[in-house]
């Protein structure tokens, strides 16, 4: 399975479950995108590392994680 296929599959699954949670929890709904980015980044990095044992690819995927963490920090500052 290629990295693109893994990212696509994980993104679809995480987005589906995040959508279900967002319908029930209003707090999650307002912070959906950053949390979703973090979850996708972590899951894809772990799966890719398990399959290939190539740490450099897992680090490259950490861009999704970093983007999500930045967005959460930015949103929390706006809420104050």
PDB file of N, CA and C in Angstrom:
ATOM      1  N   UNK A   1       0.847  -1.170   0.000  1.00  0.00           N
ATOM      2  CA  UNK A   1       0.000   0.000   0.000  1.00  0.00           C
ATOM      3  C   UNK A   1       0.900   1.242   0.000  1.00  0.00           C
ATOM      4  N   UNK A   2       0.591   2.189  -0.841  1.00  0.00           N
ATOM      5  CA  UNK A   2       1.413   3.389  -0.957  1.00  0.00           C
ATOM      6  C   UNK A   2       1.030   4.405   0.115  1.00  0.00           C
ATOM      7  N   UNK A   3       1.905   5.368   0.333  1.00  0.00           N
ATOM      8  CA  UNK A   3       1.646   6.404   1.328  1.00  0.00           C
ATOM      9  C   UNK A   3       0.394   7.201   0.979  1.00  0.00           C
ATOM     10  N   UNK A   4       0.193   7.462  -0.306  1.00  0.00           N
ATOM     11  CA  UNK A   4      -0.992   8.216  -0.721  1.00  0.00           C
ATOM     12  C   UNK A   4      -2.272   7.471  -0.374  1.00  0.00           C
ATOM     13  N   UNK A   5      -2.266   6.167  -0.579  1.00  0.00           N
ATOM     14  CA  UNK A   5      -3.444   5.359  -0.264  1.00  0.00           C
ATOM     15  C   UNK A   5      -3.693   5.328   1.243  1.00  0.00           C
ATOM     16  N   UNK A   6      -2.624   5.249   2.017  1.00  0.00           N
ATOM     17  CA  UNK A   6      -2.768   5.237   3.477  1.00  0.00           C
ATOM     18  C   UNK A   6      -3.354   6.562   3.945  1.00  0.00           C
ATOM     19  N   UNK A   7      -2.818   7.668   3.436  1.00  0.00           N
ATOM     20  CA  UNK A   7      -3.322   8.987   3.836  1.00  0.00           C
ATOM     21  C   UNK A   7      -4.786   9.145   3.448  1.00  0.00           C
ATOM     22  N   UNK A   8      -5.156   8.697   2.244  1.00  0.00           N
ATOM     23  CA  UNK A   8      -6.535   8.806   1.793  1.00  0.00           C
ATOM     24  C   UNK A   8      -7.468   7.985   2.684  1.00  0.00           C
ATOM     25  N   UNK A   9      -7.093   6.764   2.982  1.00  0.00           N
ATOM     26  CA  UNK A   9      -7.933   5.890   3.799  1.00  0.00           C
ATOM     27  C   UNK A   9      -8.079   6.424   5.214  1.00  0.00           C
ATOM     28  N   UNK A  10      -6.964   6.812   5.822  1.00  0.00           N
ATOM     29  CA  UNK A  10      -7.017   7.343   7.181  1.00  0.00           C
ATOM     30  C   UNK A  10      -7.819   8.637   7.222  1.00  0.00           C
ATOM     31  N   UNK A  11      -7.656   9.498   6.234  1.00  0.00           N
ATOM     32  CA  UNK A  11      -8.397  10.754   6.197  1.00  0.00           C
ATOM     33  C   UNK A  11      -9.900  10.503   6.116  1.00  0.00           C
ATOM     34  N   UNK A  12     -10.318   9.557   5.284  1.00  0.00           N
ATOM     35  CA  UNK A  12     -11.744   9.242   5.172  1.00  0.00           C
ATOM     36  C   UNK A  12     -12.297   8.704   6.481  1.00  0.00           C
ATOM     37  N   UNK A  13     -11.587   7.793   7.111  1.00  0.00           N
ATOM     38  CA  UNK A  13     -12.069   7.180   8.352  1.00  0.00           C
ATOM     39  C   UNK A  13     -12.119   8.202   9.480  1.00  0.00           C
ATOM     40  N   UNK A  14     -11.033   8.969   9.648  1.00  0.00           N
ATOM     41  CA  UNK A  14     -10.993   9.959  10.724  1.00  0.00           C
ATOM     42  C   UNK A  14     -12.056  11.036  10.500  1.00  0.00           C
ATOM     43  N   UNK A  15     -12.224  11.491   9.275  1.00  0.00           N
ATOM     44  CA  UNK A  15     -13.223  12.512   8.975  1.00  0.00           C
ATOM     45  C   UNK A  15     -14.625  12.001   9.278  1.00  0.00           C
ATOM     46  N   UNK A  16     -14.901  10.764   8.955  1.00  0.00           N
ATOM     47  CA  UNK A  16     -16.205  10.169   9.236  1.00  0.00           C
ATOM     48  C   UNK A  16     -16.489  10.158  10.730  1.00  0.00           C
ATOM     49  N   UNK A  17     -15.526   9.656  11.521  1.00  0.00           N
ATOM     50  CA  UNK A  17     -15.731   9.571  12.963  1.00  0.00           C
ATOM     51  C   UNK A  17     -15.749  10.951  13.616  1.00  0.00           C
ATOM     52  N   UNK A  18     -14.940  11.869  13.132  1.00  0.00           N
ATOM     53  CA  UNK A  18     -14.972  13.238  13.659  1.00  0.00           C
ATOM     54  C   UNK A  18     -16.321  13.894  13.370  1.00  0.00           C
ATOM     55  N   UNK A  19     -16.883  13.623  12.211  1.00  0.00           N
ATOM     56  CA  UNK A  19     -18.204  14.148  11.874  1.00  0.00           C
ATOM     57  C   UNK A  19     -19.288  13.618  12.790  1.00  0.00           C
ATOM     58  N   UNK A  20     -19.198  12.338  13.113  1.00  0.00           N
ATOM     59  CA  UNK A  20     -20.172  11.756  14.043  1.00  0.00           C
ATOM     60  C   UNK A  20     -20.055  12.383  15.425  1.00  0.00           C
ATOM     61  N   UNK A  21     -18.833  12.572  15.884  1.00  0.00           N
ATOM     62  CA  UNK A  21     -18.615  13.173  17.203  1.00  0.00           C
ATOM     63  C   UNK A  21     -19.068  14.640  17.189  1.00  0.00           C
ATOM     64  N   UNK A  22     -18.781  15.363  16.112  1.00  0.00           N
ATOM     65  CA  UNK A  22     -19.127  16.790  16.026  1.00  0.00           C
ATOM     66  C   UNK A  22     -20.633  17.017  16.076  1.00  0.00           C
ATOM     67  N   UNK A  23     -21.407  16.053  15.628  1.00  0.00           N
ATOM     68  CA  UNK A  23     -22.861  16.196  15.690  1.00  0.00           C
ATOM     69  C   UNK A  23     -23.368  16.162  17.129  1.00  0.00           C
ATOM     70  N   UNK A  24     -22.624  15.493  18.012  1.00  0.00           N
ATOM     71  CA  UNK A  24     -23.073  15.306  19.383  1.00  0.00           C
ATOM     72  C   UNK A  24     -22.401  16.256  20.379  1.00  0.00           C
ATOM     73  N   UNK A  25     -21.179  16.724  20.079  1.00  0.00           N
ATOM     74  CA  UNK A  25     -20.413  17.538  21.029  1.00  0.00           C
ATOM     75  C   UNK A  25     -20.119  18.892  20.390  1.00  0.00           C
ATOM     76  N   UNK A  26     -20.697  19.952  20.941  1.00  0.00           N
ATOM     77  CA  UNK A  26     -20.531  21.273  20.321  1.00  0.00           C
ATOM     78  C   UNK A  26     -19.089  21.767  20.437  1.00  0.00           C
ATOM     79  N   UNK A  27     -18.383  21.475  21.541  1.00  0.00           N
ATOM     80  CA  UNK A  27     -16.996  21.905  21.682  1.00  0.00           C
ATOM     81  C   UNK A  27     -16.136  21.307  20.582  1.00  0.00           C
ATOM     82  N   UNK A  28     -16.340  20.046  20.286  1.00  0.00           N
ATOM     83  CA  UNK A  28     -15.559  19.370  19.247  1.00  0.00           C
ATOM     84  C   UNK A  28     -15.851  19.977  17.884  1.00  0.00           C
ATOM     85  N   UNK A  29     -17.076  20.386  17.674  1.00  0.00           N
ATOM     86  CA  UNK A  29     -17.468  20.962  16.393  1.00  0.00           C
ATOM     87  C   UNK A  29     -16.702  22.244  16.096  1.00  0.00           C
ATOM     88  N   UNK A  30     -16.417  23.073  17.102  1.00  0.00           N
ATOM     89  CA  UNK A  30     -15.721  24.335  16.872  1.00  0.00           C
ATOM     90  C   UNK A  30     -14.220  24.139  16.669  1.00  0.00           C
ATOM     91  N   UNK A  31     -13.671  23.026  17.099  1.00  0.00           N
ATOM     92  CA  UNK A  31     -12.234  22.750  16.971  1.00  0.00           C
ATOM     93  C   UNK A  31     -11.962  21.558  16.071  1.00  0.00           C
ATOM     94  N   UNK A  32     -12.875  21.253  15.177  1.00  0.00           N
ATOM     95  CA  UNK A  32     -12.811  20.026  14.390  1.00  0.00           C
ATOM     96  C   UNK A  32     -11.578  19.919  13.505  1.00  0.00           C
ATOM     97  N   UNK A  33     -11.260  20.918  12.737  1.00  0.00           N
ATOM     98  CA  UNK A  33     -10.177  20.833  11.755  1.00  0.00           C
ATOM     99  C   UNK A  33      -8.811  20.608  12.411  1.00  0.00           C
ATOM    100  N   UNK A  34      -8.433  21.378  13.431  1.00  0.00           N
ATOM    101  CA  UNK A  34      -7.124  21.120  14.044  1.00  0.00           C
ATOM    102  C   UNK A  34      -7.016  19.744  14.679  1.00  0.00           C
ATOM    103  N   UNK A  35      -8.053  19.314  15.367  1.00  0.00           N
ATOM    104  CA  UNK A  35      -8.030  17.992  16.001  1.00  0.00           C
ATOM    105  C   UNK A  35      -7.951  16.911  14.934  1.00  0.00           C
ATOM    106  N   UNK A  36      -8.681  17.086  13.872  1.00  0.00           N
ATOM    107  CA  UNK A  36      -8.668  16.128  12.769  1.00  0.00           C
ATOM    108  C   UNK A  36      -7.276  16.053  12.148  1.00  0.00           C
ATOM    109  N   UNK A  37      -6.608  17.193  11.946  1.00  0.00           N
ATOM    110  CA  UNK A  37      -5.258  17.193  11.385  1.00  0.00           C
ATOM    111  C   UNK A  37      -4.283  16.436  12.278  1.00  0.00           C
ATOM    112  N   UNK A  38      -4.378  16.662  13.575  1.00  0.00           N
ATOM    113  CA  UNK A  38      -3.488  15.968  14.501  1.00  0.00           C
ATOM    114  C   UNK A  38      -3.725  14.465  14.450  1.00  0.00           C
ATOM    115  N   UNK A  39      -4.986  14.064  14.483  1.00  0.00           N
ATOM    116  CA  UNK A  39      -5.298  12.632  14.469  1.00  0.00           C
ATOM    117  C   UNK A  39      -4.808  11.976  13.181  1.00  0.00           C
ATOM    118  N   UNK A  40      -5.052  12.607  12.047  1.00  0.00           N
ATOM    119  CA  UNK A  40      -4.615  12.047  10.767  1.00  0.00           C
ATOM    120  C   UNK A  40      -3.096  11.945  10.728  1.00  0.00           C
ATOM    121  N   UNK A  41      -2.422  12.996  11.137  1.00  0.00           N
ATOM    122  CA  UNK A  41      -0.962  12.996  11.123  1.00  0.00           C
ATOM    123  C   UNK A  41      -0.358  11.911  11.985  1.00  0.00           C
ATOM    124  N   UNK A  42      -0.872  11.762  13.195  1.00  0.00           N
ATOM    125  CA  UNK A  42      -0.339  10.743  14.107  1.00  0.00           C
ATOM    126  C   UNK A  42      -0.606   9.341  13.573  1.00  0.00           C
ATOM    127  N   UNK A  43      -1.821   9.082  13.145  1.00  0.00           N
ATOM    128  CA  UNK A  43      -2.177   7.742  12.666  1.00  0.00           C
ATOM    129  C   UNK A  43      -1.374   7.365  11.426  1.00  0.00           C
ATOM    130  N   UNK A  44      -1.271   8.294  10.459  1.00  0.00           N
ATOM    131  CA  UNK A  44      -0.517   7.999   9.238  1.00  0.00           C
ATOM    132  C   UNK A  44       0.961   7.799   9.544  1.00  0.00           C
ATOM    133  N   UNK A  45       1.525   8.623  10.418  1.00  0.00           N
ATOM    134  CA  UNK A  45       2.939   8.478  10.769  1.00  0.00           C
ATOM    135  C   UNK A  45       3.210   7.126  11.423  1.00  0.00           C
ATOM    136  N   UNK A  46       2.337   6.715  12.317  1.00  0.00           N
ATOM    137  CA  UNK A  46       2.527   5.419  12.990  1.00  0.00           C
ATOM    138  C   UNK A  46       2.377   4.267  12.003  1.00  0.00           C
ATOM    139  N   UNK A  47       1.351   4.308  11.170  1.00  0.00           N
ATOM    140  CA  UNK A  47       1.149   3.230  10.192  1.00  0.00           C
ATOM    141  C   UNK A  47       2.323   3.155   9.221  1.00  0.00           C
ATOM    142  N   UNK A  48       2.752   4.303   8.723  1.00  0.00           N
ATOM    143  CA  UNK A  48       3.865   4.325   7.771  1.00  0.00           C
ATOM    144  C   UNK A  48       5.147   3.820   8.416  1.00  0.00           C
ATOM    145  N   UNK A  49       5.376   4.191   9.667  1.00  0.00           N
ATOM    146  CA  UNK A  49       6.573   3.718  10.352  1.00  0.00           C
ATOM    147  C   UNK A  49       6.518   2.204  10.597  1.00  0.00           C
ATOM    148  N   UNK A  50       5.350   1.692  10.948  1.00  0.00           N
ATOM    149  CA  UNK A  50       5.194   0.243  11.176  1.00  0.00           C
ATOM    150  C   UNK A  50       5.438  -0.533   9.884  1.00  0.00           C
ATOM    151  N   UNK A  51       4.922  -0.032   8.770  1.00  0.00           N
ATOM    152  CA  UNK A  51       5.058  -0.736   7.498  1.00  0.00           C
ATOM    153  C   UNK A  51       6.481  -0.664   6.961  1.00  0.00           C
ATOM    154  N   UNK A  52       7.061   0.537   6.948  1.00  0.00           N
ATOM    155  CA  UNK A  52       8.347   0.705   6.266  1.00  0.00           C
ATOM    156  C   UNK A  52       9.543   0.795   7.193  1.00  0.00           C
ATOM    157  N   UNK A  53       9.308   1.070   8.468  1.00  0.00           N
ATOM    158  CA  UNK A  53      10.394   1.327   9.432  1.00  0.00           C
ATOM    159  C   UNK A  53      11.290   2.467   8.953  1.00  0.00           C
ATOM    160  N   UNK A  54      10.717   3.339   8.123  1.00  0.00           N
ATOM    161  CA  UNK A  54      11.435   4.493   7.597  1.00  0.00           C
ATOM    162  C   UNK A  54      11.015   5.716   8.389  1.00  0.00           C
ATOM    163  N   UNK A  55      11.878   6.124   9.282  1.00  0.00           N
ATOM    164  CA  UNK A  55      11.555   7.217  10.186  1.00  0.00           C
ATOM    165  C   UNK A  55      11.458   8.553   9.449  1.00  0.00           C
ATOM    166  N   UNK A  56      12.198   8.711   8.348  1.00  0.00           N
ATOM    167  CA  UNK A  56      12.163   9.989   7.636  1.00  0.00           C
ATOM    168  C   UNK A  56      10.785  10.256   7.021  1.00  0.00           C
ATOM    169  N   UNK A  57      10.112   9.236   6.562  1.00  0.00           N
ATOM    170  CA  UNK A  57       8.763   9.423   6.017  1.00  0.00           C
ATOM    171  C   UNK A  57       7.792   9.775   7.129  1.00  0.00           C
ATOM    172  N   UNK A  58       7.946   9.128   8.269  1.00  0.00           N
ATOM    173  CA  UNK A  58       7.081   9.443   9.404  1.00  0.00           C
ATOM    174  C   UNK A  58       7.285  10.887   9.847  1.00  0.00           C
ATOM    175  N   UNK A  59       8.514  11.364   9.789  1.00  0.00           N
ATOM    176  CA  UNK A  59       8.785  12.758  10.133  1.00  0.00           C
ATOM    177  C   UNK A  59       8.161  13.694   9.104  1.00  0.00           C
ATOM    178  N   UNK A  60       8.197  13.331   7.839  1.00  0.00           N
ATOM    179  CA  UNK A  60       7.598  14.166   6.798  1.00  0.00           C
ATOM    180  C   UNK A  60       6.096  14.320   7.018  1.00  0.00           C
ATOM    181  N   UNK A  61       5.461  13.276   7.495  1.00  0.00           N
ATOM    182  CA  UNK A  61       4.022  13.320   7.737  1.00  0.00           C
ATOM    183  C   UNK A  61       3.708  14.192   8.960  1.00  0.00           C
ATOM    184  N   UNK A  62       4.711  14.455   9.763  1.00  0.00           N
ATOM    185  CA  UNK A  62       4.473  15.251  10.965  1.00  0.00           C
ATOM    186  C   UNK A  62       4.034  16.675  10.637  1.00  0.00           C
ATOM    187  N   UNK A  63       4.119  17.076   9.381  1.00  0.00           N
ATOM    188  CA  UNK A  63       3.604  18.381   8.971  1.00  0.00           C
ATOM    189  C   UNK A  63       2.118  18.511   9.260  1.00  0.00           C
ATOM    190  N   UNK A  64       1.382  17.427   9.064  1.00  0.00           N
ATOM    191  CA  UNK A  64      -0.038  17.433   9.413  1.00  0.00           C
ATOM    192  C   UNK A  64      -0.215  17.647  10.908  1.00  0.00           C
ATOM    193  N   UNK A  65       0.641  16.992  11.679  1.00  0.00           N
ATOM    194  CA  UNK A  65       0.554  17.113  13.124  1.00  0.00           C
ATOM    195  C   UNK A  65       0.866  18.547  13.545  1.00  0.00           C
ATOM    196  N   UNK A  66       1.952  19.096  13.022  1.00  0.00           N
ATOM    197  CA  UNK A  66       2.359  20.450  13.396  1.00  0.00           C
ATOM    198  C   UNK A  66       1.300  21.476  13.012  1.00  0.00           C
ATOM    199  N   UNK A  67       0.716  21.305  11.839  1.00  0.00           N
ATOM    200  CA  UNK A  67      -0.339  22.225  11.417  1.00  0.00           C
ATOM    201  C   UNK A  67      -1.533  22.184  12.345  1.00  0.00           C
ATOM    202  N   UNK A  68      -1.904  21.006  12.780  1.00  0.00           N
ATOM    203  CA  UNK A  68      -3.032  20.861  13.706  1.00  0.00           C
ATOM    204  C   UNK A  68      -2.740  21.466  15.062  1.00  0.00           C
ATOM    205  N   UNK A  69      -1.517  21.263  15.564  1.00  0.00           N
ATOM    206  CA  UNK A  69      -1.150  21.823  16.864  1.00  0.00           C
ATOM    207  C   UNK A  69      -1.131  23.349  16.793  1.00  0.00           C
ATOM    208  N   UNK A  70      -0.599  23.890  15.719  1.00  0.00           N
ATOM    209  CA  UNK A  70      -0.587  25.348  15.555  1.00  0.00           C
ATOM    210  C   UNK A  70      -2.012  25.894  15.525  1.00  0.00           C
ATOM    211  N   UNK A  71      -2.886  25.239  14.779  1.00  0.00           N
ATOM    212  CA  UNK A  71      -4.263  25.708  14.669  1.00  0.00           C
ATOM    213  C   UNK A  71      -4.979  25.679  16.012  1.00  0.00           C
ATOM    214  N   UNK A  72      -4.741  24.636  16.802  1.00  0.00           N
ATOM    215  CA  UNK A  72      -5.377  24.563  18.122  1.00  0.00           C
ATOM    216  C   UNK A  72      -4.893  25.709  19.001  1.00  0.00           C
ATOM    217  N   UNK A  73      -3.579  25.946  19.007  1.00  0.00           N
ATOM    218  CA  UNK A  73      -3.033  27.050  19.799  1.00  0.00           C
ATOM    219  C   UNK A  73      -3.610  28.389  19.356  1.00  0.00           C
ATOM    220  N   UNK A  74      -3.704  28.588  18.051  1.00  0.00           N
ATOM    221  CA  UNK A  74      -4.240  29.825  17.500  1.00  0.00           C
ATOM    222  C   UNK A  74      -5.708  29.998  17.885  1.00  0.00           C
ATOM    223  N   UNK A  75      -6.489  28.929  17.788  1.00  0.00           N
ATOM    224  CA  UNK A  75      -7.902  29.004  18.131  1.00  0.00           C
ATOM    225  C   UNK A  75      -8.108  29.259  19.626  1.00  0.00           C
ATOM    226  N   UNK A  76      -7.277  28.661  20.472  1.00  0.00           N
ATOM    227  CA  UNK A  76      -7.405  28.880  21.906  1.00  0.00           C
ATOM    228  C   UNK A  76      -7.102  30.338  22.271  1.00  0.00           C
ATOM    229  N   UNK A  77      -6.140  30.932  21.588  1.00  0.00           N
ATOM    230  CA  UNK A  77      -5.820  32.334  21.847  1.00  0.00           C
ATOM    231  C   UNK A  77      -6.975  33.248  21.410  1.00  0.00           C
ATOM    232  N   UNK A  78      -7.637  32.905  20.330  1.00  0.00           N
ATOM    233  CA  UNK A  78      -8.766  33.704  19.854  1.00  0.00           C
ATOM    234  C   UNK A  78      -9.965  33.601  20.801  1.00  0.00           C
ATOM    235  N   UNK A  79     -10.088  32.470  21.507  1.00  0.00           N
ATOM    236  CA  UNK A  79     -11.211  32.265  22.391  1.00  0.00           C
ATOM    237  C   UNK A  79     -11.085  33.059  23.695  1.00  0.00           C
ATOM    238  N   UNK A  80      -9.872  33.471  24.058  1.00  0.00           N
ATOM    239  CA  UNK A  80      -9.664  34.185  25.325  1.00  0.00           C
ATOM    240  C   UNK A  80     -10.204  35.574  25.287  1.00  0.00           C
TER     241      UNK A  80
END
